[in-house]
Amino acid sequence: MVFRSKVDIFFITFIFLVVLIMAAISLLPNLFNYEEASLSIVIILSAIFSISVGFILWYANTITYVFNEDYLLIKGGPFKSKILYQNITKVSPTTDRFTGYRISSSEKGLELFYKSATLESIKILPKDKIEFITELRKRCPNAQFQEFE
C-alpha cells in the first residue's frame, strides 16, 4: 500500500522562493556583467542551476510512504528510510512546520518514534492521514498511538 505526501500552498511557495533565490544567485550576475561573462561561465552556471532545481523538484514531488510486509519505506528522491514495524514504539501528532522529509504549513503531521532512529523519530505528512494511521495500527499492534483529530 502506497501513500503520497501532502502538498500544500506553503510548501509550493517555499519551493518557488528557493528556486527564485537560486536563479538570482547563479544567473543574475551574468546579466549585469554580460560584457565580462564568457559563454562557458554562463553555460556552467545555467547547468548548475538546472541540475539543482531538478533535484529539488524531484525530491519534493516524489515523497511516498510504502507499507511493505515487514517495514515502512519512506522515499523522497534518492533518499530512503526503512523502518521495521517492530521498531516503531509510538505515533503522535506533531505541530512542527519543518516535518522530517518535507516542510509543511499543515500543523497536522505525524511523528513516528522508533528504536533505530538517528534522532529518535521521523516526522511525516501523508495525504490521507486517517487511512495511514489505520494501516499503521494493523501493522504495529505494540506501538502507542496518541489521540488524533
C-alpha atoms as a PDB file:
ATOM      1  CA  MET A   1       0.000   0.000   0.000  1.00  0.00           C
ATOM      2  CA  VAL A   2       1.418   3.388  -1.028  1.00  0.00           C
ATOM      3  CA  PHE A   3       0.586   6.815   0.422  1.00  0.00           C
ATOM      4  CA  ARG A   4       1.713  10.089  -1.106  1.00  0.00           C
ATOM      5  CA  SER A   5       2.836  13.068   0.914  1.00  0.00           C
ATOM      6  CA  LYS A   6       0.507  16.017   1.291  1.00  0.00           C
ATOM      7  CA  VAL A   7       1.382  19.112  -0.759  1.00  0.00           C
ATOM      8  CA  ASP A   8       0.134  22.484   0.423  1.00  0.00           C
ATOM      9  CA  ILE A   9       0.372  26.154  -0.568  1.00  0.00           C
ATOM     10  CA  PHE A  10       3.098  26.974   1.956  1.00  0.00           C
ATOM     11  CA  PHE A  11       5.293  24.192   0.598  1.00  0.00           C
ATOM     12  CA  ILE A  12       4.781  25.246  -3.027  1.00  0.00           C
ATOM     13  CA  THR A  13       5.561  28.862  -2.104  1.00  0.00           C
ATOM     14  CA  PHE A  14       8.683  27.787  -0.208  1.00  0.00           C
ATOM     15  CA  ILE A  15       9.990  25.730  -3.154  1.00  0.00           C
ATOM     16  CA  PHE A  16       9.241  28.609  -5.544  1.00  0.00           C
ATOM     17  CA  LEU A  17      11.211  31.039  -3.338  1.00  0.00           C
ATOM     18  CA  VAL A  18      14.162  28.636  -3.099  1.00  0.00           C
ATOM     19  CA  VAL A  19      14.241  28.293  -6.885  1.00  0.00           C
ATOM     20  CA  LEU A  20      13.963  32.068  -7.298  1.00  0.00           C
ATOM     21  CA  ILE A  21      16.859  32.694  -4.901  1.00  0.00           C
ATOM     22  CA  MET A  22      18.973  30.059  -6.655  1.00  0.00           C
ATOM     23  CA  ALA A  23      18.219  31.721 -10.006  1.00  0.00           C
ATOM     24  CA  ALA A  24      19.204  35.119  -8.626  1.00  0.00           C
ATOM     25  CA  ILE A  25      22.476  33.803  -7.204  1.00  0.00           C
ATOM     26  CA  SER A  26      23.530  31.811 -10.246  1.00  0.00           C
ATOM     27  CA  LEU A  27      22.136  33.724 -13.208  1.00  0.00           C
ATOM     28  CA  LEU A  28      21.731  37.420 -12.328  1.00  0.00           C
ATOM     29  CA  PRO A  29      25.457  38.266 -12.007  1.00  0.00           C
ATOM     30  CA  ASN A  30      25.880  37.307 -15.660  1.00  0.00           C
ATOM     31  CA  LEU A  31      23.045  39.578 -16.768  1.00  0.00           C
ATOM     32  CA  PHE A  32      24.524  42.670 -15.121  1.00  0.00           C
ATOM     33  CA  ASN A  33      28.069  41.832 -16.102  1.00  0.00           C
ATOM     34  CA  TYR A  34      27.372  40.395 -19.532  1.00  0.00           C
ATOM     35  CA  GLU A  35      30.411  42.039 -21.183  1.00  0.00           C
ATOM     36  CA  GLU A  36      32.824  40.146 -18.934  1.00  0.00           C
ATOM     37  CA  ALA A  37      30.865  36.891 -18.675  1.00  0.00           C
ATOM     38  CA  SER A  38      32.157  34.263 -21.049  1.00  0.00           C
ATOM     39  CA  LEU A  39      29.883  31.765 -22.702  1.00  0.00           C
ATOM     40  CA  SER A  40      31.431  28.887 -20.745  1.00  0.00           C
ATOM     41  CA  ILE A  41      30.690  30.582 -17.390  1.00  0.00           C
ATOM     42  CA  VAL A  42      27.085  31.203 -18.425  1.00  0.00           C
ATOM     43  CA  ILE A  43      26.686  27.572 -19.537  1.00  0.00           C
ATOM     44  CA  ILE A  44      28.258  26.187 -16.336  1.00  0.00           C
ATOM     45  CA  LEU A  45      26.143  28.369 -14.034  1.00  0.00           C
ATOM     46  CA  SER A  46      22.999  27.594 -16.013  1.00  0.00           C
ATOM     47  CA  ALA A  47      23.745  23.864 -15.806  1.00  0.00           C
ATOM     48  CA  ILE A  48      24.349  24.060 -12.037  1.00  0.00           C
ATOM     49  CA  PHE A  49      21.086  25.959 -11.621  1.00  0.00           C
ATOM     50  CA  SER A  50      19.117  23.487 -13.769  1.00  0.00           C
ATOM     51  CA  ILE A  51      20.543  20.427 -12.014  1.00  0.00           C
ATOM     52  CA  SER A  52      19.903  21.925  -8.554  1.00  0.00           C
ATOM     53  CA  VAL A  53      16.318  22.883  -9.385  1.00  0.00           C
ATOM     54  CA  GLY A  54      15.713  19.477 -10.961  1.00  0.00           C
ATOM     55  CA  PHE A  55      16.986  17.737  -7.823  1.00  0.00           C
ATOM     56  CA  ILE A  56      14.820  19.862  -5.504  1.00  0.00           C
ATOM     57  CA  LEU A  57      11.696  19.251  -7.595  1.00  0.00           C
ATOM     58  CA  TRP A  58      12.448  15.526  -7.908  1.00  0.00           C
ATOM     59  CA  TYR A  59      12.878  15.193  -4.154  1.00  0.00           C
ATOM     60  CA  ALA A  60       9.881  17.336  -3.216  1.00  0.00           C
ATOM     61  CA  ASN A  61       7.394  15.729  -5.598  1.00  0.00           C
ATOM     62  CA  THR A  62       8.230  12.072  -5.018  1.00  0.00           C
ATOM     63  CA  ILE A  63       7.834  11.671  -1.255  1.00  0.00           C
ATOM     64  CA  THR A  64       5.899   8.467  -0.615  1.00  0.00           C
ATOM     65  CA  TYR A  65       5.231   6.126   2.279  1.00  0.00           C
ATOM     66  CA  VAL A  66       5.145   2.444   1.260  1.00  0.00           C
ATOM     67  CA  PHE A  67       3.790  -0.283   3.527  1.00  0.00           C
ATOM     68  CA  ASN A  68       5.790  -3.442   2.846  1.00  0.00           C
ATOM     69  CA  GLU A  69       5.357  -6.778   4.590  1.00  0.00           C
ATOM     70  CA  ASP A  70       7.878  -6.149   7.408  1.00  0.00           C
ATOM     71  CA  TYR A  71       8.692  -2.455   7.191  1.00  0.00           C
ATOM     72  CA  LEU A  72       7.548   1.039   6.281  1.00  0.00           C
ATOM     73  CA  LEU A  73       9.582   2.559   3.462  1.00  0.00           C
ATOM     74  CA  ILE A  74       9.746   6.357   3.253  1.00  0.00           C
ATOM     75  CA  LYS A  75      11.098   7.595  -0.077  1.00  0.00           C
ATOM     76  CA  GLY A  76      11.872  11.074  -1.339  1.00  0.00           C
ATOM     77  CA  GLY A  77      14.015  11.444  -4.459  1.00  0.00           C
ATOM     78  CA  PRO A  78      17.213   9.459  -3.871  1.00  0.00           C
ATOM     79  CA  PHE A  79      16.658   9.264  -0.102  1.00  0.00           C
ATOM     80  CA  LYS A  80      15.050   6.275   1.611  1.00  0.00           C
ATOM     81  CA  SER A  81      14.276   5.345   5.205  1.00  0.00           C
ATOM     82  CA  LYS A  82      13.345   1.794   6.079  1.00  0.00           C
ATOM     83  CA  ILE A  83      11.561   1.401   9.428  1.00  0.00           C
ATOM     84  CA  LEU A  84      10.743  -2.059  10.732  1.00  0.00           C
ATOM     85  CA  TYR A  85       7.241  -2.216  12.171  1.00  0.00           C
ATOM     86  CA  GLN A  86       8.540  -3.958  15.292  1.00  0.00           C
ATOM     87  CA  ASN A  87      10.813  -0.953  15.968  1.00  0.00           C
ATOM     88  CA  ILE A  88       8.003   1.628  15.941  1.00  0.00           C
ATOM     89  CA  THR A  89       7.249   2.468  19.567  1.00  0.00           C
ATOM     90  CA  LYS A  90       4.959   5.482  19.377  1.00  0.00           C
ATOM     91  CA  VAL A  91       2.961   7.527  16.864  1.00  0.00           C
ATOM     92  CA  SER A  92       1.800  11.017  17.773  1.00  0.00           C
ATOM     93  CA  PRO A  93       0.539  14.168  16.075  1.00  0.00           C
ATOM     94  CA  THR A  94       3.091  16.910  15.509  1.00  0.00           C
ATOM     95  CA  THR A  95       2.752  20.661  15.139  1.00  0.00           C
ATOM     96  CA  ASP A  96       6.195  21.325  13.669  1.00  0.00           C
ATOM     97  CA  ARG A  97       6.222  23.134  10.345  1.00  0.00           C
ATOM     98  CA  PHE A  98       9.527  21.551   9.396  1.00  0.00           C
ATOM     99  CA  THR A  99       8.403  17.964   9.323  1.00  0.00           C
ATOM    100  CA  GLY A 100      11.104  15.460   8.518  1.00  0.00           C
ATOM    101  CA  TYR A 101      11.049  14.817   4.799  1.00  0.00           C
ATOM    102  CA  ARG A 102       9.067  17.918   3.969  1.00  0.00           C
ATOM    103  CA  ILE A 103       8.397  21.498   5.023  1.00  0.00           C
ATOM    104  CA  SER A 104       4.695  21.947   5.579  1.00  0.00           C
ATOM    105  CA  SER A 105       2.251  24.632   6.554  1.00  0.00           C
ATOM    106  CA  SER A 106      -0.086  21.963   7.834  1.00  0.00           C
ATOM    107  CA  GLU A 107       0.329  21.584  11.556  1.00  0.00           C
ATOM    108  CA  LYS A 108      -1.252  18.152  11.464  1.00  0.00           C
ATOM    109  CA  GLY A 109       1.595  15.817  10.600  1.00  0.00           C
ATOM    110  CA  LEU A 110       2.638  12.594  12.307  1.00  0.00           C
ATOM    111  CA  GLU A 111       5.744  11.818  14.283  1.00  0.00           C
ATOM    112  CA  LEU A 112       6.917   8.207  14.302  1.00  0.00           C
ATOM    113  CA  PHE A 113       9.203   7.208  17.165  1.00  0.00           C
ATOM    114  CA  TYR A 114      11.276   4.111  16.562  1.00  0.00           C
ATOM    115  CA  LYS A 115      14.217   2.308  18.151  1.00  0.00           C
ATOM    116  CA  SER A 116      16.807   2.663  15.397  1.00  0.00           C
ATOM    117  CA  ALA A 117      16.200   6.341  14.576  1.00  0.00           C
ATOM    118  CA  THR A 118      19.173   8.661  14.459  1.00  0.00           C
ATOM    119  CA  LEU A 119      17.185  11.486  16.016  1.00  0.00           C
ATOM    120  CA  GLU A 120      14.702   9.176  17.805  1.00  0.00           C
ATOM    121  CA  SER A 121      11.861   9.990  15.400  1.00  0.00           C
ATOM    122  CA  ILE A 122      10.816  10.993  11.914  1.00  0.00           C
ATOM    123  CA  LYS A 123       8.044  13.407  11.026  1.00  0.00           C
ATOM    124  CA  ILE A 124       5.793  12.706   8.064  1.00  0.00           C
ATOM    125  CA  LEU A 125       2.737  14.196   6.401  1.00  0.00           C
ATOM    126  CA  PRO A 126       0.656  11.607   4.498  1.00  0.00           C
ATOM    127  CA  LYS A 127      -2.117  12.924   2.273  1.00  0.00           C
ATOM    128  CA  ASP A 128      -4.711  10.568   3.768  1.00  0.00           C
ATOM    129  CA  LYS A 129      -3.696  10.600   7.423  1.00  0.00           C
ATOM    130  CA  ILE A 130      -6.689   8.627   8.783  1.00  0.00           C
ATOM    131  CA  GLU A 131      -6.192   5.705   6.387  1.00  0.00           C
ATOM    132  CA  PHE A 132      -2.424   5.802   7.000  1.00  0.00           C
ATOM    133  CA  ILE A 133      -2.910   5.571  10.788  1.00  0.00           C
ATOM    134  CA  THR A 134      -5.443   2.750  10.361  1.00  0.00           C
ATOM    135  CA  GLU A 135      -2.974   0.748   8.277  1.00  0.00           C
ATOM    136  CA  LEU A 136      -0.116   1.503  10.681  1.00  0.00           C
ATOM    137  CA  ARG A 137      -2.211   0.322  13.673  1.00  0.00           C
ATOM    138  CA  LYS A 138      -2.745  -3.028  11.935  1.00  0.00           C
ATOM    139  CA  ARG A 139       0.961  -3.494  11.358  1.00  0.00           C
ATOM    140  CA  CYS A 140       2.232  -2.103  14.679  1.00  0.00           C
ATOM    141  CA  PRO A 141      -0.002  -3.570  17.390  1.00  0.00           C
ATOM    142  CA  ASN A 142       2.553  -2.874  20.153  1.00  0.00           C
ATOM    143  CA  ALA A 143       3.047   0.825  19.327  1.00  0.00           C
ATOM    144  CA  GLN A 144       1.390   3.558  21.375  1.00  0.00           C
ATOM    145  CA  PHE A 145      -0.935   5.781  19.349  1.00  0.00           C
ATOM    146  CA  GLN A 146      -1.796   9.166  20.801  1.00  0.00           C
ATOM    147  CA  GLU A 147      -5.127  10.880  20.174  1.00  0.00           C
ATOM    148  CA  PHE A 148      -5.590  12.205  16.646  1.00  0.00           C
ATOM    149  CA  GLU A 149      -8.007  14.818  15.332  1.00  0.00           C
END
